C-alpha atoms as a PDB file:
ATOM      1  CA  MET A   1     -46.713 -35.262  29.014  1.00  0.00           C
ATOM      2  CA  THR A   2     -43.037 -36.541  29.371  1.00  0.00           C
ATOM      3  CA  ARG A   3     -40.673 -33.623  28.952  1.00  0.00           C
ATOM      4  CA  ARG A   4     -37.378 -34.354  30.522  1.00  0.00           C
ATOM      5  CA  TRP A   5     -34.930 -31.431  31.010  1.00  0.00           C
ATOM      6  CA  LEU A   6     -31.257 -32.377  30.632  1.00  0.00           C
ATOM      7  CA  ASP A   7     -28.197 -30.411  31.838  1.00  0.00           C
ATOM      8  CA  ARG A   8     -24.818 -30.297  30.186  1.00  0.00           C
ATOM      9  CA  GLY A   9     -23.093 -32.638  32.651  1.00  0.00           C
ATOM     10  CA  ARG A  10     -25.344 -35.586  31.891  1.00  0.00           C
ATOM     11  CA  VAL A  11     -24.981 -38.091  29.164  1.00  0.00           C
ATOM     12  CA  PHE A  12     -27.952 -37.368  26.946  1.00  0.00           C
ATOM     13  CA  LEU A  13     -30.114 -39.905  28.933  1.00  0.00           C
ATOM     14  CA  GLY A  14     -32.763 -41.327  26.661  1.00  0.00           C
ATOM     15  CA  MET A  15     -32.337 -38.670  24.079  1.00  0.00           C
ATOM     16  CA  ALA A  16     -29.155 -39.820  22.329  1.00  0.00           C
ATOM     17  CA  VAL A  17     -25.854 -41.755  23.244  1.00  0.00           C
ATOM     18  CA  LEU A  18     -22.407 -40.372  23.139  1.00  0.00           C
ATOM     19  CA  VAL A  19     -20.083 -42.632  21.204  1.00  0.00           C
ATOM     20  CA  GLY A  20     -16.306 -42.412  20.552  1.00  0.00           C
ATOM     21  CA  GLY A  21     -16.323 -42.460  16.744  1.00  0.00           C
ATOM     22  CA  GLY A  22     -17.287 -46.205  16.291  1.00  0.00           C
ATOM     23  CA  ALA A  23     -19.823 -45.284  13.745  1.00  0.00           C
ATOM     24  CA  TRP A  24     -16.913 -45.243  11.140  1.00  0.00           C
ATOM     25  CA  THR A  25     -14.392 -47.903  10.204  1.00  0.00           C
ATOM     26  CA  ALA A  26     -11.327 -48.203  12.399  1.00  0.00           C
ATOM     27  CA  ASP A  27      -8.998 -46.873   9.754  1.00  0.00           C
ATOM     28  CA  ALA A  28     -10.898 -43.746   9.299  1.00  0.00           C
ATOM     29  CA  SER A  29      -9.718 -40.445  10.883  1.00  0.00           C
ATOM     30  CA  PRO A  30     -11.969 -39.343  13.639  1.00  0.00           C
ATOM     31  CA  PRO A  31     -14.569 -36.790  12.161  1.00  0.00           C
ATOM     32  CA  LYS A  32     -14.658 -33.412  13.522  1.00  0.00           C
ATOM     33  CA  THR A  33     -17.521 -32.777  15.811  1.00  0.00           C
ATOM     34  CA  ARG A  34     -19.584 -29.731  16.997  1.00  0.00           C
ATOM     35  CA  ASP A  35     -20.865 -29.803  20.497  1.00  0.00           C
ATOM     36  CA  ILE A  36     -24.631 -29.339  21.025  1.00  0.00           C
ATOM     37  CA  ARG A  37     -26.362 -29.119  24.342  1.00  0.00           C
ATOM     38  CA  PRO A  38     -29.428 -31.169  25.151  1.00  0.00           C
ATOM     39  CA  LEU A  39     -32.421 -29.247  26.414  1.00  0.00           C
ATOM     40  CA  PHE A  40     -35.509 -31.523  26.631  1.00  0.00           C
ATOM     41  CA  GLU A  41     -37.311 -34.406  25.058  1.00  0.00           C
ATOM     42  CA  ILE A  42     -40.884 -35.258  24.322  1.00  0.00           C
ATOM     43  CA  THR A  43     -42.410 -38.721  24.366  1.00  0.00           C
ATOM     44  CA  GLU A  44     -45.831 -38.395  25.743  1.00  0.00           C
ATOM     45  CA  THR A  45     -48.703 -35.848  25.745  1.00  0.00           C
ATOM     46  CA  PRO A  46     -52.157 -35.531  27.471  1.00  0.00           C
ATOM     47  CA  ALA A  47     -53.396 -36.855  24.261  1.00  0.00           C
ATOM     48  CA  GLY A  48     -51.202 -40.045  24.483  1.00  0.00           C
ATOM     49  CA  PRO A  49     -47.726 -41.129  23.678  1.00  0.00           C
ATOM     50  CA  LEU A  50     -46.041 -40.324  20.424  1.00  0.00           C
ATOM     51  CA  ALA A  51     -45.736 -43.080  17.858  1.00  0.00           C
ATOM     52  CA  LEU A  52     -43.330 -42.892  14.919  1.00  0.00           C
ATOM     53  CA  PRO A  53     -42.980 -39.176  14.714  1.00  0.00           C
ATOM     54  CA  THR A  54     -41.669 -38.508  11.228  1.00  0.00           C
ATOM     55  CA  ASP A  55     -41.219 -34.767  10.716  1.00  0.00           C
ATOM     56  CA  VAL A  56     -41.157 -31.419  12.592  1.00  0.00           C
ATOM     57  CA  ALA A  57     -41.537 -27.726  11.668  1.00  0.00           C
ATOM     58  CA  VAL A  58     -41.223 -24.527  13.577  1.00  0.00           C
ATOM     59  CA  ALA A  59     -43.635 -21.496  13.200  1.00  0.00           C
ATOM     60  CA  PRO A  60     -42.219 -17.976  13.109  1.00  0.00           C
ATOM     61  CA  GLN A  61     -43.259 -17.230  16.640  1.00  0.00           C
ATOM     62  CA  GLY A  62     -41.634 -20.526  17.898  1.00  0.00           C
ATOM     63  CA  ARG A  63     -44.595 -22.922  18.032  1.00  0.00           C
ATOM     64  CA  VAL A  64     -43.524 -26.420  17.183  1.00  0.00           C
ATOM     65  CA  TYR A  65     -45.559 -28.984  15.067  1.00  0.00           C
ATOM     66  CA  VAL A  66     -44.752 -32.556  15.034  1.00  0.00           C
ATOM     67  CA  VAL A  67     -46.087 -35.178  12.601  1.00  0.00           C
ATOM     68  CA  ASP A  68     -47.088 -38.104  14.916  1.00  0.00           C
ATOM     69  CA  GLY A  69     -47.356 -40.491  11.960  1.00  0.00           C
ATOM     70  CA  GLY A  70     -48.302 -43.602  13.853  1.00  0.00           C
ATOM     71  CA  ASN A  71     -51.322 -41.876  15.389  1.00  0.00           C
ATOM     72  CA  HIS A  72     -52.285 -40.090  12.267  1.00  0.00           C
ATOM     73  CA  ARG A  73     -52.137 -36.743  13.694  1.00  0.00           C
ATOM     74  CA  VAL A  74     -50.165 -33.502  14.151  1.00  0.00           C
ATOM     75  CA  LEU A  75     -49.230 -32.305  17.654  1.00  0.00           C
ATOM     76  CA  ALA A  76     -48.479 -28.682  18.656  1.00  0.00           C
ATOM     77  CA  PHE A  77     -46.101 -27.552  21.303  1.00  0.00           C
ATOM     78  CA  ASP A  78     -45.020 -24.278  22.564  1.00  0.00           C
ATOM     79  CA  LYS A  79     -41.274 -23.318  22.429  1.00  0.00           C
ATOM     80  CA  GLY A  80     -40.632 -24.968  25.869  1.00  0.00           C
ATOM     81  CA  GLY A  81     -42.180 -28.286  24.787  1.00  0.00           C
ATOM     82  CA  ARG A  82     -45.562 -27.776  26.495  1.00  0.00           C
ATOM     83  CA  TYR A  83     -48.325 -29.486  24.696  1.00  0.00           C
ATOM     84  CA  LEU A  84     -51.034 -27.187  23.123  1.00  0.00           C
ATOM     85  CA  PHE A  85     -53.290 -29.169  20.962  1.00  0.00           C
ATOM     86  CA  SER A  86     -53.641 -31.973  18.486  1.00  0.00           C
ATOM     87  CA  ILE A  87     -54.737 -31.672  14.764  1.00  0.00           C
ATOM     88  CA  GLY A  88     -56.605 -34.628  13.027  1.00  0.00           C
ATOM     89  CA  ARG A  89     -57.180 -38.264  13.395  1.00  0.00           C
ATOM     90  CA  LYS A  90     -57.141 -41.308  11.078  1.00  0.00           C
ATOM     91  CA  GLY A  91     -59.442 -40.820   8.127  1.00  0.00           C
ATOM     92  CA  SER A  92     -59.999 -39.238   4.823  1.00  0.00           C
ATOM     93  CA  ALA A  93     -62.342 -36.348   5.607  1.00  0.00           C
ATOM     94  CA  ALA A  94     -61.104 -32.767   5.457  1.00  0.00           C
ATOM     95  CA  GLY A  95     -58.700 -32.397   8.615  1.00  0.00           C
ATOM     96  CA  GLU A  96     -58.126 -35.970   8.779  1.00  0.00           C
ATOM     97  CA  PHE A  97     -55.035 -37.859   7.954  1.00  0.00           C
ATOM     98  CA  ARG A  98     -53.875 -41.383   6.683  1.00  0.00           C
ATOM     99  CA  ASP A  99     -50.119 -42.030   7.166  1.00  0.00           C
ATOM    100  CA  PRO A 100     -49.106 -38.152   7.324  1.00  0.00           C
ATOM    101  CA  VAL A 101     -45.219 -37.889   6.832  1.00  0.00           C
ATOM    102  CA  GLY A 102     -43.962 -34.330   6.090  1.00  0.00           C
ATOM    103  CA  ILE A 103     -44.799 -30.787   7.363  1.00  0.00           C
ATOM    104  CA  ALA A 104     -44.037 -27.262   6.890  1.00  0.00           C
ATOM    105  CA  VAL A 105     -44.999 -23.834   8.165  1.00  0.00           C
ATOM    106  CA  ASP A 106     -44.992 -20.680   6.048  1.00  0.00           C
ATOM    107  CA  GLY A 107     -44.171 -17.068   7.140  1.00  0.00           C
ATOM    108  CA  ALA A 108     -47.728 -16.328   8.108  1.00  0.00           C
ATOM    109  CA  GLY A 109     -47.961 -19.368  10.502  1.00  0.00           C
ATOM    110  CA  ARG A 110     -50.046 -21.487   8.159  1.00  0.00           C
ATOM    111  CA  VAL A 111     -49.324 -25.327   8.508  1.00  0.00           C
ATOM    112  CA  TYR A 112     -48.920 -27.596   5.387  1.00  0.00           C
ATOM    113  CA  VAL A 113     -49.144 -31.440   5.932  1.00  0.00           C
ATOM    114  CA  ALA A 114     -48.249 -34.080   3.375  1.00  0.00           C
ATOM    115  CA  ASP A 115     -51.157 -36.509   3.979  1.00  0.00           C
ATOM    116  CA  SER A 116     -49.437 -39.341   2.109  1.00  0.00           C
ATOM    117  CA  GLY A 117     -52.160 -42.096   2.476  1.00  0.00           C
ATOM    118  CA  ASN A 118     -54.728 -39.715   1.164  1.00  0.00           C
ATOM    119  CA  HIS A 119     -52.616 -38.327  -1.817  1.00  0.00           C
ATOM    120  CA  ARG A 120     -53.070 -34.638  -0.831  1.00  0.00           C
ATOM    121  CA  ILE A 121     -51.584 -31.704   0.893  1.00  0.00           C
ATOM    122  CA  GLN A 122     -53.780 -30.196   3.680  1.00  0.00           C
ATOM    123  CA  VAL A 123     -53.368 -26.600   4.956  1.00  0.00           C
ATOM    124  CA  PHE A 124     -54.400 -25.345   8.421  1.00  0.00           C
ATOM    125  CA  ASP A 125     -54.160 -22.172  10.336  1.00  0.00           C
ATOM    126  CA  GLY A 126     -51.835 -21.898  13.250  1.00  0.00           C
ATOM    127  CA  SER A 127     -54.643 -23.076  15.661  1.00  0.00           C
ATOM    128  CA  GLY A 128     -55.250 -26.242  13.664  1.00  0.00           C
ATOM    129  CA  ARG A 129     -58.333 -25.126  11.749  1.00  0.00           C
ATOM    130  CA  ILE A 130     -58.396 -26.635   8.209  1.00  0.00           C
ATOM    131  CA  LEU A 131     -58.220 -24.008   5.563  1.00  0.00           C
ATOM    132  CA  ARG A 132     -58.063 -26.007   2.360  1.00  0.00           C
ATOM    133  CA  GLY A 133     -56.468 -29.113   0.756  1.00  0.00           C
ATOM    134  CA  PHE A 134     -55.622 -30.234  -2.730  1.00  0.00           C
ATOM    135  CA  ARG A 135     -54.739 -33.556  -4.361  1.00  0.00           C
ATOM    136  CA  VAL A 136     -51.272 -34.452  -5.384  1.00  0.00           C
ATOM    137  CA  THR A 137     -51.168 -35.866  -9.072  1.00  0.00           C
ATOM    138  CA  SER A 138     -48.671 -36.299 -11.779  1.00  0.00           C
ATOM    139  CA  GLY A 139     -49.624 -37.175 -15.312  1.00  0.00           C
ATOM    140  CA  GLY A 140     -53.083 -37.919 -14.223  1.00  0.00           C
ATOM    141  CA  ALA A 141     -51.983 -40.401 -11.572  1.00  0.00           C
ATOM    142  CA  GLU A 142     -52.308 -39.940  -7.786  1.00  0.00           C
ATOM    143  CA  VAL A 143     -48.973 -39.466  -5.855  1.00  0.00           C
ATOM    144  CA  ARG A 144     -48.084 -40.140  -2.305  1.00  0.00           C
ATOM    145  CA  PRO A 145     -46.507 -36.948  -1.139  1.00  0.00           C
ATOM    146  CA  VAL A 146     -43.725 -37.394   1.435  1.00  0.00           C
ATOM    147  CA  ASP A 147     -42.846 -33.856   2.274  1.00  0.00           C
ATOM    148  CA  VAL A 148     -43.688 -30.299   1.514  1.00  0.00           C
ATOM    149  CA  ALA A 149     -41.668 -27.232   1.713  1.00  0.00           C
ATOM    150  CA  VAL A 150     -42.702 -23.515   1.349  1.00  0.00           C
ATOM    151  CA  ASP A 151     -41.008 -20.757  -0.536  1.00  0.00           C
ATOM    152  CA  ASP A 152     -42.587 -17.702   0.956  1.00  0.00           C
ATOM    153  CA  ARG A 153     -40.771 -15.333  -1.581  1.00  0.00           C
ATOM    154  CA  GLY A 154     -42.114 -16.943  -4.640  1.00  0.00           C
ATOM    155  CA  GLY A 155     -45.274 -18.361  -3.158  1.00  0.00           C
ATOM    156  CA  ARG A 156     -44.401 -21.817  -4.143  1.00  0.00           C
ATOM    157  CA  LEU A 157     -44.978 -25.268  -2.538  1.00  0.00           C
ATOM    158  CA  TYR A 158     -42.424 -28.019  -3.300  1.00  0.00           C
ATOM    159  CA  VAL A 159     -43.763 -31.463  -2.766  1.00  0.00           C
ATOM    160  CA  SER A 160     -41.734 -34.770  -3.006  1.00  0.00           C
ATOM    161  CA  GLY A 161     -43.306 -37.855  -4.309  1.00  0.00           C
ATOM    162  CA  ASN A 162     -42.590 -41.169  -2.988  1.00  0.00           C
ATOM    163  CA  ASN A 163     -44.133 -43.328  -5.848  1.00  0.00           C
ATOM    164  CA  ASN A 164     -43.240 -41.213  -8.754  1.00  0.00           C
ATOM    165  CA  HIS A 165     -39.678 -40.182  -7.748  1.00  0.00           C
ATOM    166  CA  LYS A 166     -40.322 -36.587  -8.618  1.00  0.00           C
ATOM    167  CA  VAL A 167     -40.467 -33.027  -7.119  1.00  0.00           C
ATOM    168  CA  MET A 168     -43.702 -31.307  -7.850  1.00  0.00           C
ATOM    169  CA  VAL A 169     -44.196 -27.456  -7.593  1.00  0.00           C
ATOM    170  CA  PHE A 170     -47.640 -25.972  -6.777  1.00  0.00           C
ATOM    171  CA  SER A 171     -48.949 -22.553  -6.300  1.00  0.00           C
ATOM    172  CA  SER A 172     -49.994 -21.526  -2.786  1.00  0.00           C
ATOM    173  CA  ASP A 173     -53.458 -22.492  -3.632  1.00  0.00           C
ATOM    174  CA  GLY A 174     -52.536 -25.795  -5.017  1.00  0.00           C
ATOM    175  CA  LYS A 175     -52.271 -25.360  -8.742  1.00  0.00           C
ATOM    176  CA  PRO A 176     -49.481 -27.261 -10.516  1.00  0.00           C
ATOM    177  CA  VAL A 177     -46.663 -25.227 -11.700  1.00  0.00           C
ATOM    178  CA  ARG A 178     -44.024 -27.570 -12.758  1.00  0.00           C
ATOM    179  CA  GLU A 179     -42.261 -30.880 -11.892  1.00  0.00           C
ATOM    180  CA  TRP A 180     -38.916 -32.595 -12.387  1.00  0.00           C
ATOM    181  CA  GLY A 181     -37.201 -35.854 -11.695  1.00  0.00           C
ATOM    182  CA  GLY A 182     -38.118 -39.383 -12.308  1.00  0.00           C
ATOM    183  CA  GLU A 183     -36.602 -42.708 -11.173  1.00  0.00           C
ATOM    184  CA  GLY A 184     -32.903 -42.981 -11.749  1.00  0.00           C
ATOM    185  CA  SER A 185     -29.471 -42.136 -10.283  1.00  0.00           C
ATOM    186  CA  GLY A 186     -28.337 -39.336 -12.586  1.00  0.00           C
ATOM    187  CA  ARG A 187     -28.342 -35.571 -11.811  1.00  0.00           C
ATOM    188  CA  GLY A 188     -31.918 -34.425 -11.386  1.00  0.00           C
ATOM    189  CA  GLU A 189     -33.257 -38.093 -10.937  1.00  0.00           C
ATOM    190  CA  PHE A 190     -34.313 -39.561  -7.668  1.00  0.00           C
ATOM    191  CA  ARG A 191     -34.763 -42.894  -5.915  1.00  0.00           C
ATOM    192  CA  TYR A 192     -37.439 -42.290  -3.253  1.00  0.00           C
ATOM    193  CA  PRO A 193     -36.978 -38.550  -2.502  1.00  0.00           C
ATOM    194  CA  ALA A 194     -37.881 -37.676   1.050  1.00  0.00           C
ATOM    195  CA  THR A 195     -37.480 -34.431   2.867  1.00  0.00           C
ATOM    196  CA  VAL A 196     -37.450 -31.004   1.060  1.00  0.00           C
ATOM    197  CA  ALA A 197     -36.016 -27.677   2.367  1.00  0.00           C
ATOM    198  CA  VAL A 198     -35.808 -24.316   0.653  1.00  0.00           C
ATOM    199  CA  SER A 199     -33.126 -21.598   1.438  1.00  0.00           C
ATOM    200  CA  GLY A 200     -33.754 -17.966   1.807  1.00  0.00           C
ATOM    201  CA  GLU A 201     -32.237 -17.559  -1.616  1.00  0.00           C
ATOM    202  CA  GLY A 202     -34.696 -20.049  -3.170  1.00  0.00           C
ATOM    203  CA  ARG A 203     -32.396 -23.003  -3.516  1.00  0.00           C
ATOM    204  CA  VAL A 204     -34.260 -26.315  -3.185  1.00  0.00           C
ATOM    205  CA  TYR A 205     -32.566 -29.128  -1.197  1.00  0.00           C
ATOM    206  CA  VAL A 206     -34.041 -32.679  -1.767  1.00  0.00           C
ATOM    207  CA  VAL A 207     -33.006 -35.766   0.245  1.00  0.00           C
ATOM    208  CA  ASP A 208     -32.493 -38.500  -2.355  1.00  0.00           C
ATOM    209  CA  VAL A 209     -32.739 -41.479   0.018  1.00  0.00           C
ATOM    210  CA  LEU A 210     -31.637 -44.533  -2.056  1.00  0.00           C
ATOM    211  CA  ASN A 211     -29.048 -42.513  -4.051  1.00  0.00           C
ATOM    212  CA  THR A 212     -27.599 -41.529  -0.640  1.00  0.00           C
ATOM    213  CA  ARG A 213     -27.277 -37.791  -1.291  1.00  0.00           C
ATOM    214  CA  VAL A 214     -28.979 -34.465  -1.099  1.00  0.00           C
ATOM    215  CA  GLN A 215     -29.515 -32.766  -4.414  1.00  0.00           C
ATOM    216  CA  VAL A 216     -29.627 -28.965  -4.729  1.00  0.00           C
ATOM    217  CA  PHE A 217     -31.646 -27.181  -7.430  1.00  0.00           C
ATOM    218  CA  ASP A 218     -32.779 -23.717  -8.209  1.00  0.00           C
ATOM    219  CA  GLY A 219     -36.408 -22.948  -8.150  1.00  0.00           C
ATOM    220  CA  LYS A 220     -36.924 -24.062 -11.684  1.00  0.00           C
ATOM    221  CA  GLY A 221     -35.409 -27.564 -11.075  1.00  0.00           C
ATOM    222  CA  ARG A 222     -32.021 -26.835 -12.595  1.00  0.00           C
ATOM    223  CA  PHE A 223     -29.446 -28.971 -10.915  1.00  0.00           C
ATOM    224  CA  LEU A 224     -26.881 -26.897  -8.800  1.00  0.00           C
ATOM    225  CA  ALA A 225     -25.031 -29.438  -6.589  1.00  0.00           C
ATOM    226  CA  ASP A 226     -24.819 -32.739  -4.664  1.00  0.00           C
ATOM    227  CA  VAL A 227     -24.244 -32.829  -0.965  1.00  0.00           C
ATOM    228  CA  GLY A 228     -22.842 -36.166   0.367  1.00  0.00           C
ATOM    229  CA  GLU A 229     -22.268 -39.445  -1.240  1.00  0.00           C
ATOM    230  CA  TRP A 230     -22.660 -43.089  -0.517  1.00  0.00           C
ATOM    231  CA  GLY A 231     -20.533 -44.481   2.456  1.00  0.00           C
ATOM    232  CA  VAL A 232     -19.928 -44.714   6.102  1.00  0.00           C
ATOM    233  CA  LEU A 233     -17.036 -42.212   6.332  1.00  0.00           C
ATOM    234  CA  PRO A 234     -17.267 -38.580   7.551  1.00  0.00           C
ATOM    235  CA  GLY A 235     -19.012 -36.720   5.027  1.00  0.00           C
ATOM    236  CA  GLN A 236     -20.723 -39.689   3.472  1.00  0.00           C
ATOM    237  CA  LEU A 237     -24.300 -40.843   3.792  1.00  0.00           C
ATOM    238  CA  PHE A 238     -25.809 -44.323   4.180  1.00  0.00           C
ATOM    239  CA  ARG A 239     -29.517 -43.575   4.660  1.00  0.00           C
ATOM    240  CA  PRO A 240     -30.180 -39.710   4.545  1.00  0.00           C
ATOM    241  CA  LYS A 241     -33.831 -38.905   5.624  1.00  0.00           C
ATOM    242  CA  GLY A 242     -34.061 -35.097   6.815  1.00  0.00           C
ATOM    243  CA  VAL A 243     -32.544 -31.820   5.832  1.00  0.00           C
ATOM    244  CA  ALA A 244     -32.645 -28.440   7.406  1.00  0.00           C
ATOM    245  CA  LEU A 245     -30.664 -25.171   6.869  1.00  0.00           C
ATOM    246  CA  ASP A 246     -29.479 -22.689   9.572  1.00  0.00           C
ATOM    247  CA  ARG A 247     -29.354 -19.020   9.074  1.00  0.00           C
ATOM    248  CA  ARG A 248     -25.794 -19.216   8.023  1.00  0.00           C
ATOM    249  CA  GLY A 249     -26.572 -21.518   5.173  1.00  0.00           C
ATOM    250  CA  ARG A 250     -25.158 -24.601   6.740  1.00  0.00           C
ATOM    251  CA  VAL A 251     -26.937 -27.939   5.731  1.00  0.00           C
ATOM    252  CA  TYR A 252     -27.869 -30.472   8.396  1.00  0.00           C
ATOM    253  CA  VAL A 253     -28.640 -33.918   7.207  1.00  0.00           C
ATOM    254  CA  THR A 254     -30.003 -36.800   9.348  1.00  0.00           C
ATOM    255  CA  ASP A 255     -28.832 -40.220   8.577  1.00  0.00           C
ATOM    256  CA  SER A 256     -31.449 -42.670   9.976  1.00  0.00           C
ATOM    257  CA  TYR A 257     -29.222 -45.845   9.675  1.00  0.00           C
ATOM    258  CA  MET A 258     -26.007 -44.326  11.052  1.00  0.00           C
ATOM    259  CA  GLY A 259     -27.986 -42.409  13.667  1.00  0.00           C
ATOM    260  CA  LEU A 260     -26.121 -39.306  13.031  1.00  0.00           C
ATOM    261  CA  ILE A 261     -26.649 -35.737  11.989  1.00  0.00           C
ATOM    262  CA  GLU A 262     -23.729 -34.447   9.597  1.00  0.00           C
ATOM    263  CA  VAL A 263     -23.249 -30.801   8.753  1.00  0.00           C
ATOM    264  CA  PHE A 264     -22.093 -29.429   5.266  1.00  0.00           C
ATOM    265  CA  ASP A 265     -21.549 -25.951   4.088  1.00  0.00           C
ATOM    266  CA  GLU A 266     -23.725 -24.503   1.275  1.00  0.00           C
ATOM    267  CA  SER A 267     -21.253 -25.744  -1.389  1.00  0.00           C
ATOM    268  CA  GLY A 268     -21.639 -29.226  -0.016  1.00  0.00           C
ATOM    269  CA  ARG A 269     -18.311 -29.415   1.745  1.00  0.00           C
ATOM    270  CA  PHE A 270     -18.415 -31.524   4.922  1.00  0.00           C
ATOM    271  CA  LEU A 271     -17.835 -29.540   8.061  1.00  0.00           C
ATOM    272  CA  HIS A 272     -18.593 -31.792  11.132  1.00  0.00           C
ATOM    273  CA  VAL A 273     -20.823 -34.316  12.914  1.00  0.00           C
ATOM    274  CA  LEU A 274     -22.928 -33.049  15.777  1.00  0.00           C
ATOM    275  CA  GLY A 275     -21.633 -34.169  19.133  1.00  0.00           C
ATOM    276  CA  GLY A 276     -21.216 -33.437  22.866  1.00  0.00           C
ATOM    277  CA  GLU A 277     -18.047 -33.445  25.070  1.00  0.00           C
ATOM    278  CA  GLY A 278     -16.001 -33.888  21.882  1.00  0.00           C
ATOM    279  CA  ARG A 279     -17.778 -37.222  20.970  1.00  0.00           C
ATOM    280  CA  ILE A 280     -20.358 -38.051  18.426  1.00  0.00           C
ATOM    281  CA  VAL A 281     -24.025 -38.032  19.321  1.00  0.00           C
ATOM    282  CA  LYS A 282     -25.875 -41.106  18.177  1.00  0.00           C
ATOM    283  CA  PHE A 283     -29.562 -40.746  17.635  1.00  0.00           C
ATOM    284  CA  THR A 284     -32.229 -43.478  17.283  1.00  0.00           C
ATOM    285  CA  SER A 285     -33.390 -43.462  13.628  1.00  0.00           C
ATOM    286  CA  PRO A 286     -33.419 -39.679  13.260  1.00  0.00           C
ATOM    287  CA  ALA A 287     -35.555 -38.362  10.409  1.00  0.00           C
ATOM    288  CA  GLY A 288     -37.306 -34.949  10.576  1.00  0.00           C
ATOM    289  CA  ILE A 289     -35.192 -31.957  11.611  1.00  0.00           C
ATOM    290  CA  ALA A 290     -35.809 -28.192  12.075  1.00  0.00           C
ATOM    291  CA  ILE A 291     -33.819 -25.322  13.480  1.00  0.00           C
ATOM    292  CA  ASP A 292     -35.540 -22.373  15.005  1.00  0.00           C
ATOM    293  CA  LYS A 293     -34.478 -18.724  15.072  1.00  0.00           C
ATOM    294  CA  ASP A 294     -32.856 -19.192  18.410  1.00  0.00           C
ATOM    295  CA  ASP A 295     -30.505 -21.861  16.993  1.00  0.00           C
ATOM    296  CA  ARG A 296     -32.325 -24.727  18.660  1.00  0.00           C
ATOM    297  CA  LEU A 297     -32.184 -28.009  16.781  1.00  0.00           C
ATOM    298  CA  ILE A 298     -35.327 -30.259  16.910  1.00  0.00           C
ATOM    299  CA  VAL A 299     -35.227 -33.797  15.802  1.00  0.00           C
ATOM    300  CA  THR A 300     -37.648 -36.536  15.388  1.00  0.00           C
ATOM    301  CA  GLU A 301     -36.341 -40.063  16.376  1.00  0.00           C
ATOM    302  CA  VAL A 302     -38.868 -42.271  14.754  1.00  0.00           C
ATOM    303  CA  LEU A 303     -38.238 -45.690  16.321  1.00  0.00           C
ATOM    304  CA  ALA A 304     -37.723 -44.225  19.692  1.00  0.00           C
ATOM    305  CA  ASN A 305     -41.036 -42.401  19.376  1.00  0.00           C
ATOM    306  CA  ARG A 306     -39.322 -39.191  20.625  1.00  0.00           C
ATOM    307  CA  VAL A 307     -38.712 -35.624  19.823  1.00  0.00           C
ATOM    308  CA  SER A 308     -35.330 -34.284  21.013  1.00  0.00           C
ATOM    309  CA  VAL A 309     -34.371 -30.706  21.334  1.00  0.00           C
ATOM    310  CA  PHE A 310     -30.868 -29.283  21.650  1.00  0.00           C
ATOM    311  CA  SER A 311     -29.041 -25.871  21.703  1.00  0.00           C
ATOM    312  CA  LEU A 312     -26.710 -25.487  18.839  1.00  0.00           C
ATOM    313  CA  GLY A 313     -25.098 -22.519  20.534  1.00  0.00           C
ATOM    314  CA  ARG A 314     -23.203 -20.109  18.322  1.00  0.00           C
END
């Protein structure tokens, strides 16, 4: 397994590139940055190299699960990045995947995978044993699920649909509860929703990719706020893909085209861009993002076939 450790004095070798603000137009004020410290990266395992890793989730005890989309599997690592095991292979039988994209872990350590090509959500225990699965449908038609998020308090699963432009809500055993959305650019409408995250208070954050925003809802689908807008200036988004929340309620959004991670407060106000040594950190097509209880940031860089881990500090 390739697991390179990096120290603070080095320039994010392989993991990311420090740039002096050139991601924005010359007449824009330099954005505020928050320094993060690189820890290690993962590119290979005993089961082979990563290929197009799309998402990441962290279990309560610190175990890290990565959707290795190009290899149609999920990889498990310990907190330090040591490879533990692989879940699944390409196929349509129980426990197999076809183009998996999103992943979530609940408070009991169960792992939920959006098995997009098979139009289903599959559920595993923390050791990778299949527990159950259910088809994702809307109006009688099959849906390609892109992501799944768990609300432990309400026992609900929130699933984003790529081909129906909706968020669908299921009970923990896969029974439909409600759905909202549809293709469009108004409030509560989506154009290719991607990652979903749920806050401790039950707010639902949905990355609305082609509308270049993150929409925020309550658990019943009532619109609350927008985070970000189209553009290439600080606080704007060009191609958002992933969203995660820290324990202080801050919202972290990956922009796969700009190669940045921008941070907003819970009301949607732009705070800063993640950086190092006072400069912006550029990632290679960042997508999935997770933050563990020790304030470590874990990012999948899809086209770099890499998972990068940083310390956020305090």
